[in-house]
Amino acid sequence: MKMDRTIGSGKPRAGKAFRDNPDRLFQVKNVGWYVHAREGLKGPFTDKQDAEDLIVELISRQPADPSGYISTVEL
């Protein structure tokens, strides 16, 4: 029996070259720009370009070695 597992919308991921998440970047007036990252909230940055540069840096990093992760889901 073949099982078709779909998570989310069921559409294939476009890959890191096409990632776009407008909620990832936001501004707090009179404070600065912030970035929502997997590692937590980053900021404040004095200008938007610095925050966008961090997003590009985080996306371009090589993924961590998955062998160190423990899966809590058994299929």
Protein backbone atom coordinates (compact mmCIF):
# COMPACT_ATOMS: atom_id res chain seq x y z
CA MET A 1 0.00 0.00 0.00
CA LYS A 2 1.45 3.34 -1.04
CA MET A 3 0.91 6.25 1.34
CA ASP A 4 0.93 9.81 0.07
CA ARG A 5 2.08 12.09 2.86
CA THR A 6 1.32 15.77 2.38
CA ILE A 7 2.33 18.48 4.80
CA GLY A 8 1.06 22.02 4.45
CA SER A 9 -0.29 23.02 1.06
CA GLY A 10 0.90 19.89 -0.69
CA LYS A 11 2.96 21.95 -3.11
CA PRO A 12 6.67 21.12 -3.43
CA ARG A 13 9.08 23.58 -1.87
CA ALA A 14 10.68 25.96 -4.33
CA GLY A 15 14.03 25.90 -2.55
CA LYS A 16 16.06 28.47 -0.71
CA ALA A 17 16.56 30.63 -3.81
CA PHE A 18 12.83 31.43 -3.79
CA ARG A 19 12.12 31.91 -0.10
CA ASP A 20 10.09 34.97 0.70
CA ASN A 21 8.51 35.63 4.05
CA PRO A 22 7.31 39.22 4.46
CA ASP A 23 6.48 38.63 8.14
CA ARG A 24 10.13 37.84 8.82
CA LEU A 25 11.13 41.50 8.73
CA PHE A 26 9.41 44.29 10.68
CA GLN A 27 10.06 47.75 12.08
CA VAL A 28 9.35 49.19 15.50
CA LYS A 29 9.18 52.97 15.21
CA ASN A 30 11.92 54.85 17.04
CA VAL A 31 13.62 51.55 17.88
CA GLY A 32 14.74 49.79 14.68
CA TRP A 33 14.29 46.83 12.35
CA TYR A 34 13.91 43.25 13.58
CA VAL A 35 14.16 39.82 11.94
CA HIS A 36 12.25 36.69 12.97
CA ALA A 37 14.76 33.86 12.56
CA ARG A 38 14.79 30.19 13.49
CA GLU A 39 17.34 31.13 16.14
CA GLY A 40 14.98 33.73 17.63
CA LEU A 41 14.34 37.44 17.27
CA LYS A 42 17.34 39.40 15.94
CA GLY A 43 17.73 43.15 16.23
CA PRO A 44 17.27 46.02 16.46
CA PHE A 45 19.05 47.08 13.27
CA THR A 46 19.41 50.78 12.53
CA ASP A 47 18.31 50.42 8.92
CA LYS A 48 16.31 47.96 6.84
CA GLN A 49 19.26 47.00 4.62
CA ASP A 50 21.20 45.64 7.63
CA ALA A 51 18.22 43.47 8.61
CA GLU A 52 17.82 42.23 5.02
CA ASP A 53 21.55 41.41 4.90
CA LEU A 54 21.11 39.20 7.97
CA ILE A 55 18.23 37.36 6.27
CA VAL A 56 20.41 36.69 3.22
CA GLU A 57 23.23 35.45 5.47
CA LEU A 58 20.93 33.11 7.43
CA ILE A 59 19.41 31.65 4.26
CA SER A 60 22.79 31.10 2.62
CA ARG A 61 24.23 29.11 5.54
CA GLN A 62 24.72 25.41 5.00
CA PRO A 63 22.19 23.27 6.90
CA ALA A 64 23.37 21.63 10.08
CA ASP A 65 24.33 17.96 10.08
CA PRO A 66 20.98 16.16 10.52
CA SER A 67 22.61 13.07 12.07
CA GLY A 68 22.68 14.84 15.43
CA TYR A 69 18.92 15.31 15.55
CA ILE A 70 16.55 12.96 17.31
CA SER A 71 13.27 12.34 15.53
CA THR A 72 10.18 12.29 17.70
CA VAL A 73 8.02 11.00 14.84
CA GLU A 74 8.13 7.41 13.71
CA LEU A 75 6.66 6.54 10.33
